[in-house]
């Protein structure tokens, strides 16, 4: 089984890989569904107020038309809390920020900030990512790192979050591919690396080709010797890794491209001649695949280059404040108390003669797993990525 075959069996490929069109459609559906739910909830409040005080006009404010968030506004507020996630995880020195951000982004593909505020979901996403990556901390010690947050605030949305993730916790990151690729480049630079099956050059000849590569961006001189070449590779590695830790997490790259395509795109961004050389060692120059793959890598690189700034500027902060004020007026009032909802969920089945939350959770998980197997493609599991991208999922890893 090849690495590509292995990746196609993953839940990330089956459930969380999209085309640009299907991703946009899913977000539009989520926004419309949430807006309809918010308006229905406010109508219920108005009807209740009128029933309680039929002779008063105090329900006028409740009856006003709700100005809901647009899709773009939802994206901006989610992106902001992804940035907050990165800052919080770095502050706590947890090694799980990449997974935590992806949990947050995946959850808000099928849930809206109007229904569940990202400020309430973010701590739970970080805590769940820590458990998923075997970096367990007691919830009490975790809560102590967050101001005005209790253990109940963290645990209450946990099952809700796992439902939004479709009970799939595995996230395939591009970091391992990056490390493997740069180990190969260092081997080439030392005259010890073997090219692809169709490469005719000897290890020494491959090293000489590398020494003749055009200089990287920002430099006007080539690498004259092996030592300078190794420094060039190490510099490219550091810049590419930093891009994976920021831009790749904050954009839609994980939804639209494979892990190998993402790390190769970061190499293309920081040192295009080196990226072209690496592809030449893997794919023959006469192959049409190389042209199509390079086109896909360029699209991914453009997306990575357009990543939100790590520190929003004045205009961005002003816009975020406006959106946050708007969100405060259009949140679904029936979904605001997550702690109360969680307590009711635990209490009601037992009061109604049910078998309790444990059996209910087990049944839901079983149904979700059966659905994910039988329905690889539905509203929450869109069309397979490789059927729509113009590059087969055969990028070198």
Protein backbone atom coordinates (compact mmCIF):
# COMPACT_ATOMS: atom_id res chain seq x y z
CA UNK A 1 0.00 0.00 0.00
CA UNK A 2 1.41 3.38 -1.01
CA UNK A 3 1.28 6.52 1.09
CA UNK A 4 -1.44 7.85 -1.21
CA UNK A 5 -3.55 4.72 -0.71
CA UNK A 6 -3.04 5.08 3.03
CA UNK A 7 -4.23 8.69 2.96
CA UNK A 8 -7.38 7.79 1.01
CA UNK A 9 -8.50 5.56 3.86
CA UNK A 10 -8.33 8.43 6.35
CA UNK A 11 -11.37 10.30 7.62
CA UNK A 12 -9.65 13.53 6.63
CA UNK A 13 -9.80 12.50 2.98
CA UNK A 14 -13.29 11.01 3.13
CA UNK A 15 -15.04 13.61 5.29
CA UNK A 16 -12.94 16.76 5.42
CA UNK A 17 -11.62 17.18 1.87
CA UNK A 18 -13.52 19.56 -0.40
CA UNK A 19 -13.56 21.35 -3.68
CA UNK A 20 -13.76 25.16 -3.46
CA UNK A 21 -17.34 24.99 -4.71
CA UNK A 22 -18.52 22.33 -2.25
CA UNK A 23 -16.81 24.15 0.64
CA UNK A 24 -18.53 27.42 -0.25
CA UNK A 25 -21.86 25.62 -0.63
CA UNK A 26 -21.53 23.95 2.77
CA UNK A 27 -20.79 27.26 4.47
CA UNK A 28 -23.72 28.91 2.75
CA UNK A 29 -26.03 26.13 3.92
CA UNK A 30 -24.71 26.40 7.48
CA UNK A 31 -25.21 30.18 7.51
CA UNK A 32 -28.74 29.96 6.12
CA UNK A 33 -29.75 27.21 8.55
CA UNK A 34 -28.35 29.11 11.54
CA UNK A 35 -30.02 32.38 10.47
CA UNK A 36 -33.36 30.61 10.14
CA UNK A 37 -32.89 29.09 13.59
CA UNK A 38 -32.05 32.46 15.14
CA UNK A 39 -35.10 34.14 13.60
CA UNK A 40 -37.36 31.29 14.70
CA UNK A 41 -36.01 31.54 18.25
CA UNK A 42 -36.66 35.28 18.36
CA UNK A 43 -40.20 34.74 17.03
CA UNK A 44 -40.77 32.26 19.86
CA UNK A 45 -39.56 34.83 22.37
CA UNK A 46 -41.91 37.41 20.89
CA UNK A 47 -44.86 35.03 21.06
CA UNK A 48 -44.05 34.15 24.65
CA UNK A 49 -43.73 37.84 25.61
CA UNK A 50 -47.06 38.64 23.96
CA UNK A 51 -48.69 35.72 25.75
CA UNK A 52 -47.33 36.83 29.12
CA UNK A 53 -48.15 40.53 28.64
CA UNK A 54 -50.85 40.80 25.97
CA UNK A 55 -51.70 44.41 26.83
CA UNK A 56 -48.13 45.70 26.81
CA UNK A 57 -45.89 46.67 23.96
CA UNK A 58 -42.74 45.47 25.68
CA UNK A 59 -42.19 42.77 23.07
CA UNK A 60 -41.52 45.29 20.31
CA UNK A 61 -37.77 45.03 20.64
CA UNK A 62 -37.95 41.25 20.58
CA UNK A 63 -40.10 41.35 17.48
CA UNK A 64 -37.69 43.39 15.40
CA UNK A 65 -36.15 41.67 12.41
CA UNK A 66 -32.80 40.09 13.36
CA UNK A 67 -29.77 41.22 11.39
CA UNK A 68 -27.79 37.96 11.08
CA UNK A 69 -24.14 37.52 10.26
CA UNK A 70 -23.12 37.03 6.65
CA UNK A 71 -20.90 34.14 5.57
CA UNK A 72 -17.91 36.50 5.30
CA UNK A 73 -18.54 37.88 8.79
CA UNK A 74 -18.74 34.37 10.21
CA UNK A 75 -15.42 33.54 8.57
CA UNK A 76 -13.75 36.62 10.04
CA UNK A 77 -14.89 35.90 13.59
CA UNK A 78 -13.86 32.23 13.36
CA UNK A 79 -10.46 33.22 11.94
CA UNK A 80 -9.97 35.61 14.83
CA UNK A 81 -10.61 32.86 17.38
CA UNK A 82 -8.24 30.57 15.48
CA UNK A 83 -5.59 33.25 16.05
CA UNK A 84 -6.58 33.37 19.71
CA UNK A 85 -6.18 29.59 19.86
CA UNK A 86 -2.62 29.85 18.54
CA UNK A 87 -1.77 32.52 21.10
CA UNK A 88 -3.29 30.60 23.99
CA UNK A 89 -1.61 27.30 23.12
CA UNK A 90 1.75 29.03 22.66
CA UNK A 91 1.33 30.78 26.01
CA UNK A 92 0.62 27.46 27.75
CA UNK A 93 3.36 25.69 25.74
CA UNK A 94 1.03 22.91 24.64
CA UNK A 95 2.16 20.98 21.51
CA UNK A 96 -1.36 20.68 20.13
CA UNK A 97 -2.16 24.00 18.45
CA UNK A 98 -2.37 22.64 14.89
CA UNK A 99 -4.97 20.03 15.85
CA UNK A 100 -6.89 22.45 18.08
CA UNK A 101 -7.22 24.99 15.27
CA UNK A 102 -8.40 22.34 12.83
CA UNK A 103 -10.99 21.12 15.33
CA UNK A 104 -12.31 24.67 15.58
CA UNK A 105 -12.38 25.14 11.80
CA UNK A 106 -14.05 21.78 11.21
CA UNK A 107 -16.70 22.46 13.83
CA UNK A 108 -17.68 25.75 12.21
CA UNK A 109 -18.18 24.19 8.82
CA UNK A 110 -21.51 22.84 10.02
CA UNK A 111 -22.14 25.12 12.99
CA UNK A 112 -22.45 28.89 13.05
CA UNK A 113 -21.05 31.40 15.55
CA UNK A 114 -24.66 32.63 15.79
CA UNK A 115 -25.55 29.28 17.34
CA UNK A 116 -22.42 28.59 19.37
CA UNK A 117 -20.00 31.41 20.12
CA UNK A 118 -16.35 30.54 19.27
CA UNK A 119 -15.26 31.99 22.61
CA UNK A 120 -17.11 29.12 24.32
CA UNK A 121 -15.98 26.38 21.93
CA UNK A 122 -12.29 27.37 21.70
CA UNK A 123 -11.17 26.15 25.18
CA UNK A 124 -12.94 22.84 24.64
CA UNK A 125 -11.27 22.42 21.23
CA UNK A 126 -7.85 22.90 22.83
CA UNK A 127 -8.66 20.50 25.67
CA UNK A 128 -10.01 17.85 23.28
CA UNK A 129 -6.94 18.20 21.04
CA UNK A 130 -4.70 17.61 24.05
CA UNK A 131 -6.54 14.40 24.89
CA UNK A 132 -6.57 13.27 21.25
CA UNK A 133 -2.80 13.71 20.96
CA UNK A 134 -2.02 11.93 24.23
CA UNK A 135 -1.06 15.13 26.04
CA UNK A 136 -3.57 14.78 28.83
CA UNK A 137 -3.98 17.42 31.55
CA UNK A 138 -6.52 17.43 34.34
CA UNK A 139 -9.39 19.70 33.40
CA UNK A 140 -9.07 21.64 36.65
CA UNK A 141 -5.42 22.56 35.99
CA UNK A 142 -6.32 23.40 32.40
CA UNK A 143 -9.17 25.69 33.49
CA UNK A 144 -6.87 27.55 35.86
CA UNK A 145 -4.94 28.89 32.88
CA UNK A 146 -8.04 30.65 31.55
CA UNK A 147 -9.57 33.66 33.30
CA UNK A 148 -13.25 33.42 34.28
CA UNK A 149 -13.51 29.84 32.99
CA UNK A 150 -14.72 26.90 35.06
CA UNK A 151 -14.33 23.19 34.47
CA UNK A 152 -18.03 23.04 33.55
CA UNK A 153 -17.49 25.67 30.86
CA UNK A 154 -14.86 23.42 29.28
CA UNK A 155 -16.66 20.10 29.63
CA UNK A 156 -20.19 21.26 28.73
CA UNK A 157 -19.55 21.70 24.96
CA UNK A 158 -17.32 18.61 24.65
CA UNK A 159 -19.95 16.23 23.34
CA UNK A 160 -21.35 18.97 21.10
CA UNK A 161 -17.87 19.48 19.65
CA UNK A 162 -17.32 15.77 19.08
CA UNK A 163 -20.62 15.63 17.22
CA UNK A 164 -19.51 18.54 15.03
CA UNK A 165 -16.29 16.65 14.31
CA UNK A 166 -18.37 13.58 13.42
CA UNK A 167 -16.43 11.68 16.09
CA UNK A 168 -13.31 11.81 13.91
CA UNK A 169 -10.32 13.11 15.84
CA UNK A 170 -7.45 12.24 13.49
CA UNK A 171 -5.86 15.21 11.71
CA UNK A 172 -3.21 14.55 9.06
CA UNK A 173 -0.70 17.38 9.25
CA UNK A 174 1.99 18.27 6.66
CA UNK A 175 4.80 18.50 9.25
CA UNK A 176 6.05 14.92 8.86
CA UNK A 177 6.17 15.29 5.09
CA UNK A 178 8.16 18.50 5.48
CA UNK A 179 10.75 16.83 7.71
CA UNK A 180 11.09 13.86 5.38
CA UNK A 181 11.44 16.06 2.30
CA UNK A 182 14.19 18.17 3.85
CA UNK A 183 16.04 15.08 5.03
CA UNK A 184 16.11 14.01 1.38
CA UNK A 185 17.36 17.44 0.28
CA UNK A 186 20.17 17.31 2.85
CA UNK A 187 21.11 13.84 1.62
CA UNK A 188 21.24 15.16 -1.95
CA UNK A 189 23.45 18.06 -0.81
CA UNK A 190 25.87 15.63 0.84
CA UNK A 191 26.06 13.49 -2.30
CA UNK A 192 24.31 10.52 -0.67
CA UNK A 193 20.75 10.80 -1.92
CA UNK A 194 19.19 8.59 -4.55
CA UNK A 195 16.78 10.17 -7.03
CA UNK A 196 13.50 8.73 -8.19
CA UNK A 197 13.20 5.48 -10.14
CA UNK A 198 13.52 7.35 -13.44
CA UNK A 199 16.46 9.54 -12.35
CA UNK A 200 19.61 8.63 -14.24
CA UNK A 201 22.04 10.93 -12.42
CA UNK A 202 24.38 9.63 -9.76
CA UNK A 203 24.29 11.09 -6.22
CA UNK A 204 27.30 13.28 -7.03
CA UNK A 205 25.72 14.55 -10.23
CA UNK A 206 22.51 15.38 -8.31
CA UNK A 207 24.58 17.37 -5.80
CA UNK A 208 26.27 19.29 -8.64
CA UNK A 209 22.86 20.14 -10.09
CA UNK A 210 21.83 21.54 -6.70
CA UNK A 211 24.95 23.70 -6.55
CA UNK A 212 23.96 25.20 -9.88
CA UNK A 213 20.42 26.14 -8.82
CA UNK A 214 19.31 29.76 -9.09
CA UNK A 215 19.53 31.64 -5.78
CA UNK A 216 16.51 31.74 -3.47
CA UNK A 217 14.30 34.84 -3.14
CA UNK A 218 16.12 37.68 -1.43
CA UNK A 219 19.56 36.46 -2.47
CA UNK A 220 21.64 37.22 -5.56
CA UNK A 221 24.34 34.56 -5.21
CA UNK A 222 24.32 30.82 -5.73
CA UNK A 223 25.60 28.27 -3.25
CA UNK A 224 29.26 27.84 -4.18
CA UNK A 225 29.94 24.84 -1.97
CA UNK A 226 28.20 22.12 0.01
CA UNK A 227 28.35 24.07 3.26
CA UNK A 228 26.51 27.04 1.74
CA UNK A 229 24.02 24.67 0.11
CA UNK A 230 23.23 23.06 3.46
CA UNK A 231 22.71 26.49 5.03
CA UNK A 232 20.32 27.34 2.19
CA UNK A 233 18.33 24.16 2.80
CA UNK A 234 18.19 24.79 6.55
CA UNK A 235 16.98 28.35 6.01
CA UNK A 236 14.26 27.14 3.66
CA UNK A 237 13.26 24.49 6.20
CA UNK A 238 12.86 27.06 8.98
CA UNK A 239 10.76 29.41 6.84
CA UNK A 240 8.61 26.59 5.47
CA UNK A 241 7.96 25.21 8.95
CA UNK A 242 6.92 28.64 10.20
CA UNK A 243 4.47 28.92 7.30
CA UNK A 244 2.95 25.56 8.20
CA UNK A 245 2.53 26.72 11.81
CA UNK A 246 0.67 29.87 10.81
CA UNK A 247 -0.66 30.35 7.26
CA UNK A 248 -1.49 26.70 6.64
CA UNK A 249 -3.57 26.59 9.82
CA UNK A 250 -5.41 29.87 9.31
CA UNK A 251 -6.48 29.33 5.69
CA UNK A 252 -8.59 26.62 4.06
CA UNK A 253 -5.51 24.72 2.91
CA UNK A 254 -6.32 21.62 5.00
CA UNK A 255 -9.77 21.42 3.39
CA UNK A 256 -8.64 21.90 -0.21
CA UNK A 257 -5.22 20.24 -0.48
CA UNK A 258 -3.45 17.11 0.73
CA UNK A 259 -0.72 17.29 3.40
CA UNK A 260 2.01 16.62 0.84
CA UNK A 261 0.69 19.35 -1.44
CA UNK A 262 0.65 21.80 1.49
CA UNK A 263 4.26 21.28 2.54
CA UNK A 264 5.49 21.35 -1.05
CA UNK A 265 3.64 24.65 -1.48
CA UNK A 266 5.44 26.12 1.51
CA UNK A 267 8.76 25.09 -0.07
CA UNK A 268 7.62 26.71 -3.30
CA UNK A 269 6.91 29.92 -1.39
CA UNK A 270 10.26 30.15 0.37
CA UNK A 271 12.60 28.73 -2.31
CA UNK A 272 11.04 28.04 -5.71
CA UNK A 273 14.25 26.78 -7.42
CA UNK A 274 14.71 24.23 -4.64
CA UNK A 275 11.06 23.15 -4.92
CA UNK A 276 11.34 22.71 -8.69
CA UNK A 277 14.52 20.67 -8.25
CA UNK A 278 12.84 18.39 -5.68
CA UNK A 279 9.92 17.71 -8.02
CA UNK A 280 12.33 16.91 -10.86
CA UNK A 281 13.87 14.16 -8.75
CA UNK A 282 10.43 12.59 -8.32
CA UNK A 283 8.57 13.16 -11.58
CA UNK A 284 10.06 12.99 -15.10
CA UNK A 285 10.26 16.26 -17.03
CA UNK A 286 8.18 14.75 -19.83
CA UNK A 287 5.32 13.81 -17.52
CA UNK A 288 2.12 15.84 -17.76
CA UNK A 289 1.65 15.18 -14.05
CA UNK A 290 4.46 17.55 -13.16
CA UNK A 291 2.77 20.48 -14.92
CA UNK A 292 -0.60 19.76 -13.31
CA UNK A 293 0.94 19.23 -9.89
CA UNK A 294 2.90 22.46 -10.11
CA UNK A 295 -0.29 24.31 -11.04
CA UNK A 296 -1.99 22.94 -7.93
CA UNK A 297 0.98 23.85 -5.74
CA UNK A 298 0.88 27.40 -7.07
CA UNK A 299 -2.82 27.67 -6.14
CA UNK A 300 -2.04 26.46 -2.65
CA UNK A 301 0.89 28.88 -2.37
CA UNK A 302 -1.37 31.79 -3.33
CA UNK A 303 -3.76 30.78 -0.56
CA UNK A 304 -0.96 30.52 1.99
CA UNK A 305 0.32 33.94 0.97
CA UNK A 306 -3.13 35.45 1.59
CA UNK A 307 -3.29 34.21 5.20
CA UNK A 308 -4.68 36.60 7.85
CA UNK A 309 -2.04 38.54 9.74
CA UNK A 310 -0.95 37.10 13.07
CA UNK A 311 -1.69 40.48 14.62
CA UNK A 312 -4.76 42.24 13.18
CA UNK A 313 -4.23 45.89 12.22
CA UNK A 314 -6.37 48.83 13.29
CA UNK A 315 -8.85 48.37 10.45
CA UNK A 316 -9.16 44.65 11.12
CA UNK A 317 -9.70 45.26 14.84
CA UNK A 318 -12.37 47.85 14.10
CA UNK A 319 -14.12 45.42 11.77
CA UNK A 320 -13.92 42.61 14.32
CA UNK A 321 -15.45 44.82 17.01
CA UNK A 322 -18.30 45.67 14.66
CA UNK A 323 -18.93 42.00 13.89
CA UNK A 324 -18.74 41.05 17.57
CA UNK A 325 -21.36 43.67 18.45
CA UNK A 326 -23.56 42.41 15.65
CA UNK A 327 -23.08 38.83 16.84
CA UNK A 328 -24.19 39.81 20.34
CA UNK A 329 -27.54 40.89 18.84
CA UNK A 330 -28.11 37.83 16.65
CA UNK A 331 -27.05 34.90 18.82
CA UNK A 332 -29.60 32.12 19.13
CA UNK A 333 -31.08 32.69 22.62
CA UNK A 334 -31.98 29.02 22.94
CA UNK A 335 -28.33 27.93 22.58
CA UNK A 336 -26.51 30.42 24.76
CA UNK A 337 -26.37 28.50 28.05
CA UNK A 338 -24.18 25.52 27.13
CA UNK A 339 -23.65 24.52 30.76
CA UNK A 340 -27.41 24.50 31.40
CA UNK A 341 -28.03 22.56 28.18
CA UNK A 342 -25.43 19.98 29.19
CA UNK A 343 -27.01 19.51 32.63
CA UNK A 344 -30.46 19.12 31.08
CA UNK A 345 -29.16 16.55 28.62
CA UNK A 346 -27.76 14.48 31.49
CA UNK A 347 -30.87 14.85 33.62
CA UNK A 348 -33.82 14.49 31.24
CA UNK A 349 -33.29 10.93 29.91
CA UNK A 350 -33.26 9.52 33.44
CA UNK A 351 -36.34 11.50 34.46
CA UNK A 352 -38.21 10.26 31.41
CA UNK A 353 -37.43 6.63 32.12
CA UNK A 354 -34.61 6.45 29.61
CA UNK A 355 -31.35 4.59 29.99
CA UNK A 356 -29.30 7.69 30.81
CA UNK A 357 -26.66 9.70 28.97
CA UNK A 358 -24.11 6.91 28.65
CA UNK A 359 -26.37 4.70 26.53
CA UNK A 360 -27.58 7.71 24.59
CA UNK A 361 -24.02 8.71 23.73
CA UNK A 362 -23.13 5.15 22.72
CA UNK A 363 -26.14 4.94 20.41
CA UNK A 364 -25.35 8.28 18.79
CA UNK A 365 -21.74 7.30 18.22
CA UNK A 366 -22.78 4.03 16.65
CA UNK A 367 -25.21 5.81 14.32
CA UNK A 368 -22.56 8.37 13.37
CA UNK A 369 -20.03 5.66 12.54
CA UNK A 370 -22.54 3.73 10.45
CA UNK A 371 -23.53 6.90 8.64
CA UNK A 372 -19.91 7.84 7.88
CA UNK A 373 -19.33 4.39 6.36
CA UNK A 374 -22.55 4.26 4.33
CA UNK A 375 -22.63 7.90 3.36
CA UNK A 376 -19.16 9.04 2.39
CA UNK A 377 -20.73 11.98 0.62
CA UNK A 378 -23.53 14.05 2.07
CA UNK A 379 -23.99 17.50 3.54
CA UNK A 380 -21.29 16.88 6.12
CA UNK A 381 -19.09 14.62 4.00
CA UNK A 382 -18.65 16.36 0.63
CA UNK A 383 -17.34 14.94 -2.66
CA UNK A 384 -13.89 13.40 -2.60
CA UNK A 385 -11.20 15.94 -3.27
CA UNK A 386 -9.31 14.09 -5.96
CA UNK A 387 -12.34 13.73 -8.19
CA UNK A 388 -12.46 17.47 -8.66
CA UNK A 389 -8.91 18.74 -8.33
CA UNK A 390 -6.96 18.67 -11.55
CA UNK A 391 -4.12 16.77 -9.85
CA UNK A 392 -4.34 13.15 -8.68
CA UNK A 393 -3.47 12.57 -5.06
CA UNK A 394 -0.04 11.28 -5.99
CA UNK A 395 2.06 14.14 -4.71
CA UNK A 396 5.35 12.94 -3.31
CA UNK A 397 5.50 12.68 0.43
